[in-house]
N, C-alpha and C. Protein backbone atom coordinates (compact mmCIF):
# COMPACT_ATOMS: atom_id res chain seq x y z
N MET A 1 -6.88 -12.67 69.02
CA MET A 1 -7.07 -11.96 67.64
C MET A 1 -6.91 -12.94 66.46
N PHE A 2 -6.06 -13.89 66.77
CA PHE A 2 -5.80 -15.08 65.62
C PHE A 2 -6.97 -15.83 65.63
N ASN A 3 -7.66 -16.15 66.71
CA ASN A 3 -8.99 -16.90 66.37
C ASN A 3 -9.95 -16.36 65.52
N LYS A 4 -10.07 -14.92 65.80
CA LYS A 4 -10.93 -14.13 65.07
C LYS A 4 -10.51 -14.02 63.55
N LEU A 5 -9.29 -14.12 63.23
CA LEU A 5 -8.69 -14.05 61.80
C LEU A 5 -9.20 -15.32 61.32
N VAL A 6 -9.06 -16.53 61.94
CA VAL A 6 -9.40 -17.87 61.38
C VAL A 6 -10.94 -17.92 61.23
N ALA A 7 -11.78 -17.26 62.13
CA ALA A 7 -13.18 -17.22 62.03
C ALA A 7 -13.76 -16.55 60.79
N ILE A 8 -13.01 -15.43 60.41
CA ILE A 8 -13.54 -14.47 59.33
C ILE A 8 -12.73 -15.08 58.00
N ALA A 9 -11.97 -15.99 58.07
CA ALA A 9 -11.42 -16.49 56.67
C ALA A 9 -12.23 -17.54 56.13
N THR A 10 -13.32 -16.94 55.53
CA THR A 10 -14.39 -17.95 55.01
C THR A 10 -13.94 -17.69 53.32
N GLY A 11 -14.47 -18.55 52.57
CA GLY A 11 -14.57 -18.30 51.14
C GLY A 11 -15.23 -17.20 50.75
N ARG A 12 -16.43 -16.93 51.24
CA ARG A 12 -16.92 -15.58 50.90
C ARG A 12 -16.24 -14.44 51.23
N ASN A 13 -15.65 -14.24 52.42
CA ASN A 13 -14.95 -13.03 52.90
C ASN A 13 -13.67 -13.00 52.06
N LEU A 14 -13.07 -14.07 51.62
CA LEU A 14 -11.88 -13.95 50.80
C LEU A 14 -12.37 -13.60 49.28
N ALA A 15 -13.48 -13.93 48.81
CA ALA A 15 -13.73 -13.47 47.46
C ALA A 15 -14.26 -11.83 47.61
N TRP A 16 -14.84 -11.52 48.57
CA TRP A 16 -15.18 -10.08 48.79
C TRP A 16 -13.83 -9.34 48.86
N SER A 17 -12.79 -9.71 49.73
CA SER A 17 -11.75 -8.94 49.80
C SER A 17 -10.75 -8.96 48.35
N LEU A 18 -10.97 -10.13 47.68
CA LEU A 18 -10.27 -9.99 46.41
C LEU A 18 -10.92 -8.99 45.51
N ILE A 19 -12.33 -8.89 45.50
CA ILE A 19 -12.97 -7.90 44.67
C ILE A 19 -12.77 -6.49 45.12
N VAL A 20 -12.53 -6.21 46.32
CA VAL A 20 -12.35 -4.94 46.84
C VAL A 20 -10.73 -4.58 46.46
N LEU A 21 -9.81 -5.57 46.53
CA LEU A 21 -8.55 -5.34 46.39
C LEU A 21 -8.41 -5.08 44.83
N LEU A 22 -9.09 -5.71 43.95
CA LEU A 22 -8.88 -5.64 42.53
C LEU A 22 -9.37 -4.16 42.16
N ILE A 23 -10.43 -3.64 42.73
CA ILE A 23 -10.96 -2.25 42.56
C ILE A 23 -9.92 -1.42 42.94
N PHE A 24 -9.26 -1.39 43.98
CA PHE A 24 -8.43 -0.65 44.58
C PHE A 24 -7.06 -0.76 43.42
N MET A 25 -6.84 -1.86 43.15
CA MET A 25 -5.55 -1.91 42.29
C MET A 25 -5.89 -1.39 40.86
N VAL A 26 -7.04 -1.46 40.38
CA VAL A 26 -7.33 -0.63 39.19
C VAL A 26 -7.28 0.75 39.37
N ALA A 27 -7.79 1.29 40.55
CA ALA A 27 -7.82 2.82 40.77
C ALA A 27 -6.29 3.24 40.76
N MET A 28 -5.47 2.50 41.64
CA MET A 28 -4.25 2.77 41.73
C MET A 28 -3.38 2.90 40.46
N ASN A 29 -3.64 1.78 39.88
CA ASN A 29 -3.00 1.73 38.40
C ASN A 29 -3.28 3.00 37.52
N LEU A 30 -4.53 3.21 37.51
CA LEU A 30 -5.01 4.46 36.67
C LEU A 30 -4.30 5.83 37.09
N GLY A 31 -4.26 5.83 38.51
CA GLY A 31 -3.70 7.02 39.06
C GLY A 31 -2.19 6.91 38.64
N ALA A 32 -1.63 5.87 38.83
CA ALA A 32 0.04 5.83 38.67
C ALA A 32 0.31 6.09 37.13
N MET A 33 -0.55 5.54 36.33
CA MET A 33 -0.29 5.66 34.85
C MET A 33 -0.43 7.03 34.42
N ALA A 34 -1.62 7.81 34.86
CA ALA A 34 -1.67 9.21 34.73
C ALA A 34 -0.61 9.96 35.08
N PHE A 35 -0.07 9.74 36.34
CA PHE A 35 1.05 10.45 36.83
C PHE A 35 2.35 10.23 35.86
N PHE A 36 2.60 8.95 35.62
CA PHE A 36 3.64 8.55 34.75
C PHE A 36 3.67 9.41 33.38
N HIS A 37 2.47 9.55 32.98
CA HIS A 37 2.40 10.20 31.63
C HIS A 37 2.42 11.79 32.00
N TYR A 38 2.09 12.26 33.01
CA TYR A 38 2.07 13.70 33.27
C TYR A 38 3.37 14.02 33.50
N THR A 39 4.31 13.20 34.08
CA THR A 39 5.81 13.65 34.36
C THR A 39 6.64 13.19 33.34
N ASN A 40 6.10 12.80 32.19
CA ASN A 40 6.77 12.40 31.09
C ASN A 40 7.84 10.96 31.32
N GLY A 41 7.27 10.20 32.12
CA GLY A 41 7.98 8.90 32.53
C GLY A 41 8.66 8.95 33.71
N ALA A 42 8.59 9.94 34.75
CA ALA A 42 9.29 9.76 35.84
C ALA A 42 8.80 8.89 36.79
N GLY A 43 7.41 8.67 36.77
CA GLY A 43 6.61 7.71 37.74
C GLY A 43 6.82 7.98 39.07
N ILE A 44 5.83 7.21 39.83
CA ILE A 44 5.84 7.63 41.25
C ILE A 44 6.87 6.59 41.95
N LEU A 45 7.30 7.25 43.18
CA LEU A 45 8.45 6.71 44.18
C LEU A 45 7.85 5.24 44.50
N ASP A 46 6.62 5.18 44.78
CA ASP A 46 6.00 3.69 45.20
C ASP A 46 6.40 2.68 44.27
N THR A 47 6.57 2.94 43.11
CA THR A 47 6.87 1.75 42.07
C THR A 47 8.31 1.90 41.59
N ALA A 48 9.14 2.97 42.29
CA ALA A 48 10.43 3.27 41.80
C ALA A 48 10.62 3.86 40.43
N GLY A 49 9.56 4.46 39.91
CA GLY A 49 9.38 4.96 38.69
C GLY A 49 8.82 4.29 37.67
N GLY A 50 8.14 3.25 37.98
CA GLY A 50 7.43 2.28 37.18
C GLY A 50 6.19 2.97 36.55
N ALA A 51 5.43 2.54 35.66
CA ALA A 51 4.17 3.37 35.00
C ALA A 51 3.19 2.89 35.94
N ASN A 52 3.11 1.84 36.60
CA ASN A 52 2.01 1.43 37.53
C ASN A 52 2.59 0.13 38.41
N LEU A 53 1.39 -0.35 39.04
CA LEU A 53 1.77 -1.32 40.03
C LEU A 53 2.42 -2.48 39.38
N LEU A 54 1.95 -2.89 38.27
CA LEU A 54 2.40 -4.02 37.55
C LEU A 54 3.94 -3.90 36.82
N ASP A 55 4.22 -2.44 36.78
CA ASP A 55 5.54 -2.24 36.14
C ASP A 55 6.60 -1.63 37.29
N ASN A 56 6.31 -2.24 38.48
CA ASN A 56 7.17 -2.04 39.68
C ASN A 56 8.64 -2.33 39.39
N ARG A 57 9.45 -1.31 39.46
CA ARG A 57 10.72 -1.52 39.34
C ARG A 57 11.49 -1.91 40.65
N THR A 58 11.56 -3.36 40.78
CA THR A 58 11.70 -3.92 41.97
C THR A 58 13.23 -3.81 42.64
N ASN A 59 14.11 -3.16 41.65
CA ASN A 59 15.54 -2.95 41.96
C ASN A 59 15.64 -1.64 42.89
N GLY A 60 14.69 -0.99 43.08
CA GLY A 60 14.53 0.33 43.92
C GLY A 60 15.19 1.29 43.25
N TYR A 61 15.72 2.15 44.15
CA TYR A 61 16.27 3.57 43.42
C TYR A 61 17.42 3.98 44.67
N SER A 62 18.26 4.80 44.17
CA SER A 62 19.31 5.41 44.88
C SER A 62 18.81 6.81 45.36
N PRO A 63 19.40 7.50 46.40
CA PRO A 63 19.00 8.68 46.61
C PRO A 63 19.05 9.71 45.48
N GLU A 64 20.04 9.49 44.59
CA GLU A 64 20.11 10.43 43.63
C GLU A 64 19.02 10.23 42.47
N THR A 65 18.61 9.03 42.27
CA THR A 65 17.74 8.65 41.33
C THR A 65 16.33 9.13 41.87
N ALA A 66 16.10 9.03 43.25
CA ALA A 66 14.78 9.50 43.95
C ALA A 66 14.79 10.96 43.58
N TYR A 67 15.84 11.76 43.85
CA TYR A 67 15.60 12.95 43.72
C TYR A 67 15.66 13.56 42.25
N GLU A 68 16.17 12.86 41.47
CA GLU A 68 16.11 13.04 39.90
C GLU A 68 14.56 13.07 39.49
N MET A 69 13.80 11.98 40.16
CA MET A 69 12.42 11.89 39.80
C MET A 69 11.52 13.04 40.44
N VAL A 70 12.04 13.37 41.66
CA VAL A 70 11.19 14.38 42.32
C VAL A 70 11.47 15.76 41.56
N THR A 71 12.66 15.97 41.36
CA THR A 71 12.84 17.18 40.38
C THR A 71 12.14 17.22 39.09
N ALA A 72 11.95 16.05 38.37
CA ALA A 72 11.13 15.98 37.21
C ALA A 72 9.64 16.27 37.40
N TYR A 73 9.17 16.04 38.76
CA TYR A 73 7.84 16.07 39.01
C TYR A 73 7.58 17.62 38.76
N GLY A 74 8.32 18.64 39.36
CA GLY A 74 8.10 19.99 39.48
C GLY A 74 6.97 20.10 40.54
N LYS A 75 6.62 21.40 40.77
CA LYS A 75 5.83 21.67 42.03
C LYS A 75 4.39 20.88 41.99
N GLN A 76 3.83 21.15 40.66
CA GLN A 76 2.58 20.52 40.51
C GLN A 76 2.51 18.92 40.41
N GLY A 77 3.69 18.41 40.04
CA GLY A 77 3.86 16.86 40.13
C GLY A 77 3.98 16.47 41.60
N ILE A 78 4.77 17.35 42.37
CA ILE A 78 4.71 16.87 43.91
C ILE A 78 3.48 16.96 44.39
N ARG A 79 2.73 17.89 44.24
CA ARG A 79 1.19 18.00 44.79
C ARG A 79 0.33 16.89 44.24
N TYR A 80 0.55 16.53 42.97
CA TYR A 80 -0.19 15.20 42.34
C TYR A 80 0.28 14.06 43.14
N HIS A 81 1.69 13.80 43.35
CA HIS A 81 2.08 12.76 44.03
C HIS A 81 1.72 12.63 45.56
N LEU A 82 1.55 13.78 46.09
CA LEU A 82 1.07 13.88 47.55
C LEU A 82 -0.30 13.37 47.62
N MET A 83 -1.21 13.79 46.52
CA MET A 83 -2.46 13.32 46.47
C MET A 83 -2.68 11.81 46.37
N LEU A 84 -1.77 11.29 45.39
CA LEU A 84 -1.83 9.81 45.22
C LEU A 84 -1.34 9.03 46.54
N THR A 85 -0.46 9.56 47.27
CA THR A 85 0.13 9.03 48.31
C THR A 85 -1.09 8.94 49.46
N MET A 86 -1.85 10.15 49.50
CA MET A 86 -2.96 10.15 50.54
C MET A 86 -4.06 8.96 50.07
N VAL A 87 -4.20 8.93 48.86
CA VAL A 87 -5.20 7.74 48.27
C VAL A 87 -4.53 6.43 48.77
N ASP A 88 -3.16 6.41 48.48
CA ASP A 88 -2.42 5.10 48.90
C ASP A 88 -2.46 4.75 50.34
N PHE A 89 -2.99 5.56 51.18
CA PHE A 89 -3.15 5.30 52.51
C PHE A 89 -4.16 4.10 52.68
N PHE A 90 -5.18 3.84 51.90
CA PHE A 90 -6.01 2.77 51.95
C PHE A 90 -5.59 1.47 51.02
N PHE A 91 -4.80 1.65 50.13
CA PHE A 91 -4.59 0.39 49.45
C PHE A 91 -3.69 -0.58 50.32
N PRO A 92 -2.67 -0.25 51.26
CA PRO A 92 -2.01 -1.44 51.95
C PRO A 92 -2.75 -2.03 52.87
N PRO A 93 -3.65 -1.50 53.61
CA PRO A 93 -4.54 -2.41 54.58
C PRO A 93 -5.38 -3.31 53.77
N THR A 94 -5.98 -2.98 52.38
CA THR A 94 -6.73 -3.67 51.65
C THR A 94 -5.98 -4.94 51.11
N LEU A 95 -4.67 -4.77 50.72
CA LEU A 95 -3.89 -5.78 50.16
C LEU A 95 -3.43 -6.68 51.28
N ALA A 96 -3.10 -6.12 52.46
CA ALA A 96 -2.62 -6.80 53.85
C ALA A 96 -3.82 -7.72 54.03
N PHE A 97 -4.99 -7.21 54.27
CA PHE A 97 -6.12 -7.85 54.69
C PHE A 97 -6.41 -9.10 53.74
N PHE A 98 -6.39 -9.01 52.46
CA PHE A 98 -6.69 -10.19 51.46
C PHE A 98 -5.55 -10.99 51.69
N LEU A 99 -4.34 -10.71 51.80
CA LEU A 99 -3.25 -11.45 52.04
C LEU A 99 -3.29 -12.39 53.34
N LEU A 100 -3.77 -11.61 54.40
CA LEU A 100 -3.98 -12.48 55.61
C LEU A 100 -5.20 -13.35 55.40
N LEU A 101 -6.29 -13.23 54.66
CA LEU A 101 -7.36 -13.94 54.71
C LEU A 101 -7.04 -15.14 53.92
N ALA A 102 -6.20 -14.96 52.71
CA ALA A 102 -5.82 -15.89 51.77
C ALA A 102 -4.97 -17.00 52.37
N ILE A 103 -4.09 -16.65 53.32
CA ILE A 103 -3.00 -17.44 53.92
C ILE A 103 -3.80 -18.19 54.82
N THR A 104 -4.67 -17.59 55.65
CA THR A 104 -5.53 -18.24 56.72
C THR A 104 -6.31 -19.28 56.10
N TYR A 105 -7.06 -18.82 55.21
CA TYR A 105 -7.96 -19.70 54.46
C TYR A 105 -7.50 -21.08 53.99
N PHE A 106 -6.34 -20.92 53.25
CA PHE A 106 -5.64 -21.96 52.47
C PHE A 106 -5.08 -22.96 53.45
N TYR A 107 -4.23 -22.41 54.47
CA TYR A 107 -3.50 -23.21 55.42
C TYR A 107 -4.34 -23.75 56.59
N SER A 108 -5.37 -22.93 56.86
CA SER A 108 -6.12 -23.55 57.98
C SER A 108 -7.12 -24.76 57.70
N ARG A 109 -7.16 -24.83 56.17
CA ARG A 109 -7.93 -26.11 55.77
C ARG A 109 -7.10 -27.06 55.21
N THR A 110 -5.68 -26.94 55.25
CA THR A 110 -4.79 -27.90 55.00
C THR A 110 -4.09 -28.42 55.86
N PHE A 111 -3.67 -27.72 56.95
CA PHE A 111 -2.97 -28.15 58.14
C PHE A 111 -3.80 -28.13 59.34
N GLY A 112 -3.91 -29.11 60.37
CA GLY A 112 -4.49 -29.03 61.56
C GLY A 112 -3.87 -28.09 62.48
N SER A 113 -2.60 -27.78 62.50
CA SER A 113 -2.01 -26.72 63.47
C SER A 113 -2.00 -25.44 62.89
N TYR A 114 -2.24 -24.49 63.75
CA TYR A 114 -2.22 -23.06 63.43
C TYR A 114 -0.76 -22.40 63.48
N ARG A 115 0.12 -23.28 64.03
CA ARG A 115 1.41 -22.71 64.29
C ARG A 115 2.01 -22.16 62.96
N ILE A 116 1.93 -22.99 62.03
CA ILE A 116 2.68 -22.33 60.69
C ILE A 116 1.95 -21.32 60.14
N ILE A 117 0.63 -21.11 60.28
CA ILE A 117 -0.09 -20.02 59.95
C ILE A 117 0.24 -18.73 60.65
N ARG A 118 0.25 -18.83 61.97
CA ARG A 118 0.87 -17.79 62.79
C ARG A 118 2.28 -17.17 62.26
N LEU A 119 3.13 -18.17 61.73
CA LEU A 119 4.35 -17.66 61.26
C LEU A 119 4.10 -16.97 59.88
N LEU A 120 3.41 -17.56 59.07
CA LEU A 120 3.32 -17.05 57.70
C LEU A 120 2.42 -15.73 57.52
N VAL A 121 1.38 -15.55 58.45
CA VAL A 121 0.78 -14.32 58.50
C VAL A 121 1.62 -13.08 58.92
N THR A 122 2.83 -13.37 59.36
CA THR A 122 3.73 -12.20 59.62
C THR A 122 4.07 -11.52 58.33
N LEU A 123 4.12 -12.17 57.14
CA LEU A 123 4.49 -11.49 55.89
C LEU A 123 3.50 -10.49 55.60
N PRO A 124 2.28 -10.37 55.57
CA PRO A 124 1.24 -9.38 55.27
C PRO A 124 1.60 -8.25 56.33
N VAL A 125 1.85 -8.50 57.59
CA VAL A 125 2.16 -7.71 58.61
C VAL A 125 3.35 -6.93 58.23
N ILE A 126 4.34 -7.56 57.71
CA ILE A 126 5.71 -6.76 57.50
C ILE A 126 5.24 -5.96 56.29
N TYR A 127 4.49 -6.43 55.36
CA TYR A 127 4.32 -5.70 54.04
C TYR A 127 3.70 -4.42 54.62
N LEU A 128 2.55 -4.61 55.30
CA LEU A 128 1.71 -3.32 55.73
C LEU A 128 2.74 -2.38 56.44
N ALA A 129 3.45 -2.70 57.44
CA ALA A 129 4.45 -1.81 58.18
C ALA A 129 5.32 -1.21 57.17
N SER A 130 5.90 -1.84 56.31
CA SER A 130 7.05 -1.38 55.49
C SER A 130 6.40 -0.43 54.28
N ASP A 131 5.12 -0.68 53.89
CA ASP A 131 4.37 0.19 52.84
C ASP A 131 4.17 1.47 53.74
N TYR A 132 3.55 1.48 54.74
CA TYR A 132 3.24 2.77 55.53
C TYR A 132 4.52 3.47 55.90
N LEU A 133 5.65 2.79 56.14
CA LEU A 133 6.84 3.57 56.57
C LEU A 133 7.41 4.12 55.30
N GLU A 134 7.37 3.29 54.07
CA GLU A 134 7.84 3.88 52.74
C GLU A 134 7.01 5.12 52.54
N ASN A 135 5.74 5.19 52.82
CA ASN A 135 4.89 6.42 52.46
C ASN A 135 5.17 7.55 53.18
N VAL A 136 5.61 7.13 54.52
CA VAL A 136 5.95 8.44 55.36
C VAL A 136 7.33 8.97 54.88
N GLY A 137 8.27 8.04 54.35
CA GLY A 137 9.35 8.46 53.94
C GLY A 137 9.06 9.30 52.51
N ILE A 138 8.34 8.82 51.72
CA ILE A 138 7.94 9.41 50.50
C ILE A 138 7.35 10.93 50.82
N VAL A 139 6.60 11.03 51.59
CA VAL A 139 5.71 12.25 52.00
C VAL A 139 6.81 13.25 52.52
N THR A 140 7.79 12.75 53.38
CA THR A 140 8.76 13.59 54.22
C THR A 140 9.68 14.07 52.92
N MET A 141 10.12 13.32 51.89
CA MET A 141 10.83 13.83 50.83
C MET A 141 10.33 14.82 49.98
N LEU A 142 9.14 14.58 49.82
CA LEU A 142 8.31 15.58 48.74
C LEU A 142 8.15 16.88 49.51
N LEU A 143 7.66 16.79 50.87
CA LEU A 143 7.35 18.01 51.47
C LEU A 143 8.67 18.78 51.68
N SER A 144 10.02 18.18 51.94
CA SER A 144 11.11 18.87 52.24
C SER A 144 11.68 19.29 51.10
N PHE A 145 11.36 18.96 49.85
CA PHE A 145 12.06 19.30 48.61
C PHE A 145 11.88 20.73 48.33
N PRO A 146 12.89 21.55 47.95
CA PRO A 146 14.01 21.07 47.30
C PRO A 146 15.31 20.65 48.32
N SER A 147 14.97 20.78 49.63
CA SER A 147 16.03 20.31 50.47
C SER A 147 16.12 18.61 50.16
N LYS A 148 17.44 18.13 50.29
CA LYS A 148 17.60 16.77 49.96
C LYS A 148 18.00 16.17 51.31
N THR A 149 17.13 14.93 51.55
CA THR A 149 17.65 14.19 52.85
C THR A 149 18.11 12.77 52.35
N PRO A 150 19.37 12.49 51.89
CA PRO A 150 19.74 11.36 51.28
C PRO A 150 19.48 10.13 52.20
N GLY A 151 19.47 10.20 53.41
CA GLY A 151 19.23 9.08 54.52
C GLY A 151 17.80 8.75 54.48
N MET A 152 16.94 9.83 54.30
CA MET A 152 15.50 9.47 54.17
C MET A 152 15.26 8.65 53.00
N ALA A 153 15.91 9.21 51.76
CA ALA A 153 15.80 8.46 50.46
C ALA A 153 16.31 6.89 50.66
N MET A 154 17.32 6.82 51.23
CA MET A 154 17.89 5.28 51.49
C MET A 154 16.88 4.47 52.43
N LEU A 155 16.58 5.10 53.54
CA LEU A 155 15.51 4.35 54.36
C LEU A 155 14.31 4.15 53.58
N THR A 156 13.74 5.08 52.89
CA THR A 156 12.53 4.80 52.02
C THR A 156 12.77 3.69 50.95
N ASP A 157 13.87 3.58 50.34
CA ASP A 157 14.20 2.72 49.46
C ASP A 157 14.27 1.26 49.97
N THR A 158 14.82 1.01 51.33
CA THR A 158 14.91 -0.08 52.01
C THR A 158 13.43 -0.57 52.40
N MET A 159 12.48 0.30 52.83
CA MET A 159 11.29 0.01 53.01
C MET A 159 10.47 -0.43 51.72
N PHE A 160 10.73 0.20 50.58
CA PHE A 160 10.43 -0.27 49.32
C PHE A 160 10.68 -1.70 49.01
N THR A 161 12.08 -1.97 49.34
CA THR A 161 12.48 -3.42 49.04
C THR A 161 11.71 -4.45 50.11
N ILE A 162 11.73 -3.95 51.19
CA ILE A 162 10.94 -4.89 52.12
C ILE A 162 9.53 -5.20 51.74
N LYS A 163 8.91 -3.94 51.35
CA LYS A 163 7.48 -4.21 51.02
C LYS A 163 7.27 -5.18 49.74
N ASN A 164 8.19 -5.05 48.79
CA ASN A 164 8.02 -5.87 47.72
C ASN A 164 8.35 -7.46 47.94
N LEU A 165 9.42 -7.46 48.73
CA LEU A 165 9.81 -8.83 49.29
C LEU A 165 8.85 -9.60 50.00
N SER A 166 8.16 -8.74 51.08
CA SER A 166 7.03 -9.58 51.80
C SER A 166 5.98 -9.79 51.12
N SER A 167 5.43 -8.79 50.18
CA SER A 167 4.28 -8.96 49.48
C SER A 167 4.45 -10.04 48.49
N THR A 168 5.50 -10.29 47.87
CA THR A 168 5.94 -11.20 47.03
C THR A 168 5.85 -12.61 47.71
N GLY A 169 6.71 -12.72 48.81
CA GLY A 169 6.61 -13.96 49.59
C GLY A 169 5.38 -14.26 49.97
N ALA A 170 4.41 -13.32 50.45
CA ALA A 170 3.01 -13.72 50.69
C ALA A 170 2.34 -14.31 49.62
N VAL A 171 2.41 -13.75 48.43
CA VAL A 171 1.73 -14.28 47.22
C VAL A 171 2.24 -15.69 46.95
N ILE A 172 3.57 -15.91 47.07
CA ILE A 172 4.07 -17.27 46.88
C ILE A 172 3.61 -18.14 47.92
N VAL A 173 3.53 -17.79 49.05
CA VAL A 173 2.89 -18.62 50.23
C VAL A 173 1.38 -18.87 49.91
N ILE A 174 0.74 -17.95 49.34
CA ILE A 174 -0.60 -18.20 49.16
C ILE A 174 -0.91 -19.26 47.85
N LEU A 175 -0.04 -18.98 46.94
CA LEU A 175 0.03 -20.02 45.80
C LEU A 175 0.31 -21.47 46.22
N ILE A 176 1.26 -21.62 47.09
CA ILE A 176 1.62 -22.95 47.74
C ILE A 176 0.42 -23.31 48.36
N GLY A 177 -0.09 -22.61 49.26
CA GLY A 177 -1.36 -23.02 50.02
C GLY A 177 -2.47 -23.43 49.14
N LEU A 178 -2.64 -22.60 48.12
CA LEU A 178 -3.84 -22.94 47.14
C LEU A 178 -3.52 -24.41 46.59
N ILE A 179 -2.29 -24.53 46.23
CA ILE A 179 -1.98 -25.95 45.54
C ILE A 179 -2.10 -27.08 46.43
N LEU A 180 -1.68 -26.91 47.59
CA LEU A 180 -1.90 -27.94 48.75
C LEU A 180 -3.34 -28.13 49.09
N TRP A 181 -4.05 -26.95 49.09
CA TRP A 181 -5.65 -27.02 49.29
C TRP A 181 -6.33 -27.97 48.32
N LEU A 182 -5.82 -27.74 47.10
CA LEU A 182 -6.47 -28.27 45.80
C LEU A 182 -6.02 -29.79 45.88
N ILE A 183 -4.81 -30.00 46.00
CA ILE A 183 -4.29 -31.53 46.19
C ILE A 183 -5.22 -32.26 47.23
N GLN A 184 -5.38 -31.65 48.44
CA GLN A 184 -6.14 -32.28 49.48
C GLN A 184 -7.69 -32.47 49.05
N ARG A 185 -8.16 -31.24 48.25
CA ARG A 185 -9.59 -31.47 47.85
C ARG A 185 -9.64 -32.71 46.76
N ILE A 186 -8.70 -32.67 45.94
CA ILE A 186 -8.79 -33.80 44.95
C ILE A 186 -8.63 -35.26 45.59
N ARG A 187 -7.67 -35.31 46.48
CA ARG A 187 -7.61 -36.64 47.21
C ARG A 187 -8.89 -36.88 47.95
N GLY A 188 -9.49 -35.93 48.47
CA GLY A 188 -10.73 -36.22 49.10
C GLY A 188 -11.80 -36.85 48.15
N LEU A 189 -11.89 -36.14 46.92
CA LEU A 189 -12.88 -36.58 46.03
C LEU A 189 -12.76 -38.12 45.69
N PHE A 190 -11.32 -38.43 45.30
CA PHE A 190 -10.99 -39.64 44.97
C PHE A 190 -11.36 -40.54 46.16
N ALA A 191 -11.13 -40.19 47.39
CA ALA A 191 -11.26 -41.19 48.47
C ALA A 191 -12.58 -41.47 48.61
N LYS A 192 -13.55 -40.50 48.31
CA LYS A 192 -15.03 -40.99 48.44
C LYS A 192 -15.56 -41.82 47.32
N GLN A 193 -14.75 -42.10 46.26
CA GLN A 193 -15.37 -42.99 45.21
C GLN A 193 -14.94 -44.41 45.34
């Protein structure tokens, strides 16, 4: 499976996955911002109450804060949030695929050994798993409301934190890989002269 990932990690596929990711990000941001305004600033649980993906409140939320947000949604807001969560089913694999391709693309061209790449690609996998587990927790909290499950809220917040740490780590790894790849390309150009 790893060899297939290396084979599809081409510049063209990386560009296409970035385009698809950006389309999803715009759509998700529009939905999140509309929800934020609809709930008078409560925001979705996926962003810990932020207005959109760029306003992600990375410090997470306590069970009390989560249920304050859900209470502010009202019945219609809960239905709206569930609809957004169903659409969010497609966003995590889109982001994870881009992260996998970018890490594989830059590091396979920079290092001769795939050992480091195999380690680094665990970050997008961790991101994907934690995002889906977070979504399961959010749906459980929304469907069970007004009953409160503080344990589920704490688990969902933990998945929120892991999701943010792993995706941020993957982006940092990609930026380092991009820099190393550019340095290698520049050295190659000077070596030809």
